[in-house]
Amino acid sequence: MEEIKRLEDKYFDIKRLEVVRDIFVFQIYTGLAYSDVSKLKKEDISIGIDGNQWITIYRSKTNTRTSLPLLPKALEIIEKYRNNLEAEIKGTVFPISSN
């Protein structure tokens, strides 16, 4: 947790590196692969029967349906990019350019 916290708190002068860091941290808190995060759409996020937000997707590698609860830190990262123009144009949650 100490290493994750240091990564979360790391400041980058370059915006692209900040996005890379945020996506990596999001992967830590969700367990999703890069390929799944890069295709994540707003409609993949919904309210579960428990009243909390969940991701429901078909995983890229296995094509199996997966439902994951969104932890508070993952929700913070989603919120950070909620109105990002690049993500809006691509129709994704995050402004991911390439791997």
N, C-alpha and C. Protein backbone atom coordinates (compact mmCIF):
# COMPACT_ATOMS: atom_id res chain seq x y z
N MET A 1 0.83 -1.19 0.00
CA MET A 1 0.00 0.00 0.00
C MET A 1 0.88 1.26 0.00
N GLU A 2 2.03 1.16 0.67
CA GLU A 2 2.92 2.32 0.70
C GLU A 2 3.41 2.68 -0.70
N GLU A 3 3.75 1.68 -1.49
CA GLU A 3 4.21 1.93 -2.86
C GLU A 3 3.08 2.50 -3.73
N ILE A 4 1.89 1.98 -3.56
CA ILE A 4 0.74 2.48 -4.31
C ILE A 4 0.48 3.94 -3.95
N LYS A 5 0.54 4.26 -2.68
CA LYS A 5 0.32 5.63 -2.21
C LYS A 5 1.37 6.58 -2.81
N ARG A 6 2.63 6.13 -2.84
CA ARG A 6 3.69 6.97 -3.43
C ARG A 6 3.41 7.21 -4.91
N LEU A 7 2.95 6.19 -5.60
CA LEU A 7 2.61 6.32 -7.01
C LEU A 7 1.43 7.28 -7.19
N GLU A 8 0.41 7.13 -6.36
CA GLU A 8 -0.77 8.01 -6.44
C GLU A 8 -0.39 9.47 -6.21
N ASP A 9 0.57 9.71 -5.33
CA ASP A 9 0.95 11.07 -4.96
C ASP A 9 2.01 11.67 -5.87
N LYS A 10 2.58 10.88 -6.77
CA LYS A 10 3.65 11.35 -7.65
C LYS A 10 3.13 12.44 -8.58
N TYR A 11 3.85 13.55 -8.63
CA TYR A 11 3.47 14.66 -9.51
C TYR A 11 4.25 14.56 -10.82
N PHE A 12 3.56 14.76 -11.94
CA PHE A 12 4.19 14.76 -13.24
C PHE A 12 3.96 16.11 -13.92
N ASP A 13 5.01 16.66 -14.51
CA ASP A 13 4.88 17.89 -15.29
C ASP A 13 4.20 17.63 -16.62
N ILE A 14 4.31 16.41 -17.10
CA ILE A 14 3.77 16.04 -18.40
C ILE A 14 2.40 15.39 -18.21
N LYS A 15 1.38 15.97 -18.82
CA LYS A 15 0.00 15.51 -18.65
C LYS A 15 -0.16 14.04 -19.07
N ARG A 16 0.49 13.64 -20.15
CA ARG A 16 0.39 12.27 -20.65
C ARG A 16 0.84 11.27 -19.59
N LEU A 17 1.90 11.59 -18.86
CA LEU A 17 2.39 10.70 -17.82
C LEU A 17 1.42 10.63 -16.64
N GLU A 18 0.75 11.73 -16.38
CA GLU A 18 -0.27 11.74 -15.33
C GLU A 18 -1.42 10.79 -15.69
N VAL A 19 -1.82 10.80 -16.95
CA VAL A 19 -2.88 9.90 -17.41
C VAL A 19 -2.42 8.45 -17.29
N VAL A 20 -1.19 8.17 -17.71
CA VAL A 20 -0.64 6.81 -17.61
C VAL A 20 -0.66 6.33 -16.16
N ARG A 21 -0.23 7.20 -15.25
CA ARG A 21 -0.24 6.85 -13.83
C ARG A 21 -1.67 6.56 -13.35
N ASP A 22 -2.60 7.43 -13.71
CA ASP A 22 -3.98 7.26 -13.27
C ASP A 22 -4.59 5.96 -13.79
N ILE A 23 -4.31 5.63 -15.04
CA ILE A 23 -4.84 4.39 -15.62
C ILE A 23 -4.24 3.18 -14.90
N PHE A 24 -2.95 3.23 -14.62
CA PHE A 24 -2.30 2.13 -13.91
C PHE A 24 -2.90 1.96 -12.51
N VAL A 25 -3.09 3.06 -11.81
CA VAL A 25 -3.69 2.99 -10.47
C VAL A 25 -5.12 2.46 -10.56
N PHE A 26 -5.87 2.89 -11.57
CA PHE A 26 -7.23 2.37 -11.78
C PHE A 26 -7.19 0.86 -11.97
N GLN A 27 -6.22 0.37 -12.73
CA GLN A 27 -6.08 -1.07 -12.93
C GLN A 27 -5.80 -1.79 -11.61
N ILE A 28 -5.02 -1.17 -10.75
CA ILE A 28 -4.73 -1.77 -9.45
C ILE A 28 -6.01 -1.94 -8.65
N TYR A 29 -6.86 -0.92 -8.65
CA TYR A 29 -8.08 -0.96 -7.83
C TYR A 29 -9.23 -1.74 -8.45
N THR A 30 -9.12 -2.07 -9.74
CA THR A 30 -10.20 -2.85 -10.38
C THR A 30 -9.77 -4.25 -10.77
N GLY A 31 -8.48 -4.45 -10.99
CA GLY A 31 -8.00 -5.74 -11.47
C GLY A 31 -8.19 -5.92 -12.96
N LEU A 32 -8.60 -4.87 -13.65
CA LEU A 32 -8.82 -4.97 -15.10
C LEU A 32 -7.51 -4.86 -15.87
N ALA A 33 -7.45 -5.56 -16.99
CA ALA A 33 -6.31 -5.49 -17.88
C ALA A 33 -6.36 -4.17 -18.66
N TYR A 34 -5.21 -3.77 -19.17
CA TYR A 34 -5.13 -2.54 -19.96
C TYR A 34 -6.13 -2.56 -21.12
N SER A 35 -6.23 -3.70 -21.81
CA SER A 35 -7.13 -3.79 -22.96
C SER A 35 -8.58 -3.54 -22.56
N ASP A 36 -8.96 -3.96 -21.36
CA ASP A 36 -10.34 -3.73 -20.89
C ASP A 36 -10.55 -2.28 -20.48
N VAL A 37 -9.57 -1.69 -19.82
CA VAL A 37 -9.69 -0.29 -19.39
C VAL A 37 -9.71 0.64 -20.60
N SER A 38 -8.91 0.33 -21.62
CA SER A 38 -8.83 1.21 -22.78
C SER A 38 -10.15 1.26 -23.55
N LYS A 39 -10.99 0.22 -23.43
CA LYS A 39 -12.28 0.18 -24.13
C LYS A 39 -13.47 0.49 -23.22
N LEU A 40 -13.20 0.80 -21.96
CA LEU A 40 -14.27 1.03 -20.99
C LEU A 40 -15.11 2.24 -21.39
N LYS A 41 -16.41 2.04 -21.45
CA LYS A 41 -17.35 3.10 -21.82
C LYS A 41 -18.22 3.47 -20.61
N LYS A 42 -18.79 4.67 -20.67
CA LYS A 42 -19.63 5.13 -19.56
C LYS A 42 -20.80 4.18 -19.32
N GLU A 43 -21.34 3.61 -20.39
CA GLU A 43 -22.49 2.70 -20.22
C GLU A 43 -22.10 1.37 -19.59
N ASP A 44 -20.80 1.10 -19.44
CA ASP A 44 -20.34 -0.10 -18.74
C ASP A 44 -20.41 0.06 -17.23
N ILE A 45 -20.70 1.27 -16.78
CA ILE A 45 -20.77 1.57 -15.34
C ILE A 45 -22.23 1.79 -14.97
N SER A 46 -22.70 1.04 -13.99
CA SER A 46 -24.11 1.15 -13.59
C SER A 46 -24.23 0.95 -12.08
N ILE A 47 -25.43 1.20 -11.59
CA ILE A 47 -25.72 1.01 -10.17
C ILE A 47 -26.17 -0.43 -9.96
N GLY A 48 -25.50 -1.12 -9.03
CA GLY A 48 -25.83 -2.50 -8.73
C GLY A 48 -26.98 -2.61 -7.74
N ILE A 49 -27.39 -3.83 -7.44
CA ILE A 49 -28.51 -4.03 -6.52
C ILE A 49 -28.17 -3.57 -5.11
N ASP A 50 -26.86 -3.39 -4.84
CA ASP A 50 -26.43 -2.90 -3.53
C ASP A 50 -26.42 -1.37 -3.44
N GLY A 51 -26.76 -0.71 -4.58
CA GLY A 51 -26.81 0.75 -4.61
C GLY A 51 -25.47 1.40 -4.93
N ASN A 52 -24.44 0.60 -5.13
CA ASN A 52 -23.12 1.12 -5.46
C ASN A 52 -22.86 0.99 -6.96
N GLN A 53 -21.84 1.70 -7.42
CA GLN A 53 -21.49 1.65 -8.84
C GLN A 53 -20.64 0.42 -9.13
N TRP A 54 -20.94 -0.21 -10.26
CA TRP A 54 -20.24 -1.42 -10.70
C TRP A 54 -19.87 -1.28 -12.17
N ILE A 55 -18.79 -1.95 -12.54
CA ILE A 55 -18.43 -2.11 -13.95
C ILE A 55 -18.93 -3.47 -14.38
N THR A 56 -19.65 -3.53 -15.49
CA THR A 56 -20.09 -4.80 -16.06
C THR A 56 -19.65 -4.82 -17.51
N ILE A 57 -18.71 -5.71 -17.83
CA ILE A 57 -18.15 -5.78 -19.18
C ILE A 57 -17.91 -7.24 -19.57
N TYR A 58 -17.64 -7.43 -20.84
CA TYR A 58 -17.12 -8.69 -21.33
C TYR A 58 -15.62 -8.51 -21.48
N ARG A 59 -14.84 -9.32 -20.77
CA ARG A 59 -13.39 -9.20 -20.78
C ARG A 59 -12.84 -9.50 -22.17
N SER A 60 -11.85 -8.73 -22.58
CA SER A 60 -11.26 -8.85 -23.92
C SER A 60 -10.65 -10.23 -24.17
N LYS A 61 -9.86 -10.69 -23.25
CA LYS A 61 -9.10 -11.93 -23.45
C LYS A 61 -9.98 -13.17 -23.45
N THR A 62 -10.95 -13.22 -22.56
CA THR A 62 -11.76 -14.43 -22.38
C THR A 62 -13.19 -14.32 -22.90
N ASN A 63 -13.62 -13.10 -23.19
CA ASN A 63 -15.00 -12.81 -23.60
C ASN A 63 -16.02 -13.29 -22.57
N THR A 64 -15.63 -13.28 -21.30
CA THR A 64 -16.55 -13.65 -20.23
C THR A 64 -17.10 -12.39 -19.58
N ARG A 65 -18.35 -12.45 -19.20
CA ARG A 65 -19.00 -11.31 -18.55
C ARG A 65 -18.47 -11.18 -17.13
N THR A 66 -18.10 -9.97 -16.77
CA THR A 66 -17.53 -9.71 -15.45
C THR A 66 -18.20 -8.50 -14.83
N SER A 67 -18.51 -8.59 -13.57
CA SER A 67 -19.05 -7.46 -12.81
C SER A 67 -18.10 -7.18 -11.66
N LEU A 68 -17.67 -5.92 -11.57
CA LEU A 68 -16.71 -5.51 -10.55
C LEU A 68 -17.22 -4.30 -9.79
N PRO A 69 -17.18 -4.34 -8.47
CA PRO A 69 -17.57 -3.14 -7.71
C PRO A 69 -16.48 -2.08 -7.85
N LEU A 70 -16.89 -0.84 -7.92
CA LEU A 70 -15.94 0.26 -8.02
C LEU A 70 -15.59 0.77 -6.63
N LEU A 71 -14.33 0.62 -6.28
CA LEU A 71 -13.83 1.12 -5.00
C LEU A 71 -13.71 2.64 -5.05
N PRO A 72 -13.71 3.30 -3.90
CA PRO A 72 -13.67 4.77 -3.87
C PRO A 72 -12.53 5.38 -4.69
N LYS A 73 -11.34 4.82 -4.64
CA LYS A 73 -10.22 5.38 -5.39
C LYS A 73 -10.45 5.26 -6.89
N ALA A 74 -11.00 4.16 -7.36
CA ALA A 74 -11.32 3.98 -8.77
C ALA A 74 -12.38 5.00 -9.20
N LEU A 75 -13.36 5.23 -8.33
CA LEU A 75 -14.39 6.23 -8.64
C LEU A 75 -13.79 7.64 -8.74
N GLU A 76 -12.82 7.95 -7.90
CA GLU A 76 -12.16 9.25 -7.96
C GLU A 76 -11.47 9.45 -9.31
N ILE A 77 -10.84 8.41 -9.79
CA ILE A 77 -10.14 8.51 -11.07
C ILE A 77 -11.13 8.67 -12.22
N ILE A 78 -12.23 7.93 -12.18
CA ILE A 78 -13.28 8.10 -13.19
C ILE A 78 -13.79 9.53 -13.18
N GLU A 79 -14.05 10.05 -11.99
CA GLU A 79 -14.58 11.42 -11.86
C GLU A 79 -13.59 12.44 -12.42
N LYS A 80 -12.32 12.21 -12.22
CA LYS A 80 -11.28 13.13 -12.71
C LYS A 80 -11.37 13.31 -14.22
N TYR A 81 -11.74 12.26 -14.93
CA TYR A 81 -11.79 12.31 -16.40
C TYR A 81 -13.21 12.40 -16.95
N ARG A 82 -14.17 12.68 -16.09
CA ARG A 82 -15.58 12.69 -16.50
C ARG A 82 -15.86 13.60 -17.69
N ASN A 83 -15.27 14.78 -17.73
CA ASN A 83 -15.54 15.73 -18.81
C ASN A 83 -14.34 15.92 -19.73
N ASN A 84 -13.50 14.90 -19.83
CA ASN A 84 -12.32 14.99 -20.69
C ASN A 84 -12.74 14.92 -22.16
N LEU A 85 -12.33 15.91 -22.94
CA LEU A 85 -12.75 16.02 -24.34
C LEU A 85 -12.27 14.83 -25.17
N GLU A 86 -11.02 14.42 -25.00
CA GLU A 86 -10.49 13.30 -25.77
C GLU A 86 -11.29 12.02 -25.50
N ALA A 87 -11.60 11.77 -24.23
CA ALA A 87 -12.40 10.59 -23.88
C ALA A 87 -13.81 10.70 -24.46
N GLU A 88 -14.38 11.90 -24.40
CA GLU A 88 -15.72 12.12 -24.96
C GLU A 88 -15.75 11.81 -26.45
N ILE A 89 -14.75 12.28 -27.17
CA ILE A 89 -14.68 12.05 -28.62
C ILE A 89 -14.56 10.57 -28.93
N LYS A 90 -13.75 9.85 -28.15
CA LYS A 90 -13.55 8.42 -28.37
C LYS A 90 -14.70 7.57 -27.82
N GLY A 91 -15.53 8.17 -26.97
CA GLY A 91 -16.64 7.44 -26.38
C GLY A 91 -16.20 6.51 -25.26
N THR A 92 -15.06 6.84 -24.63
CA THR A 92 -14.53 6.01 -23.56
C THR A 92 -14.51 6.79 -22.24
N VAL A 93 -14.25 6.08 -21.16
CA VAL A 93 -14.17 6.71 -19.84
C VAL A 93 -12.87 7.50 -19.69
N PHE A 94 -11.79 6.97 -20.29
CA PHE A 94 -10.47 7.58 -20.12
C PHE A 94 -9.87 8.00 -21.47
N PRO A 95 -9.01 9.02 -21.44
CA PRO A 95 -8.35 9.49 -22.67
C PRO A 95 -7.07 8.70 -22.95
N ILE A 96 -7.23 7.44 -23.28
CA ILE A 96 -6.08 6.57 -23.51
C ILE A 96 -5.69 6.66 -24.99
N SER A 97 -4.42 6.98 -25.23
CA SER A 97 -3.94 7.11 -26.60
C SER A 97 -3.41 5.78 -27.16
N SER A 98 -2.51 5.14 -26.45
CA SER A 98 -1.95 3.86 -26.87
C SER A 98 -1.30 3.19 -25.67
N ASN A 99 -0.87 1.95 -25.86
CA ASN A 99 -0.20 1.28 -24.76
C ASN A 99 1.30 1.45 -24.88
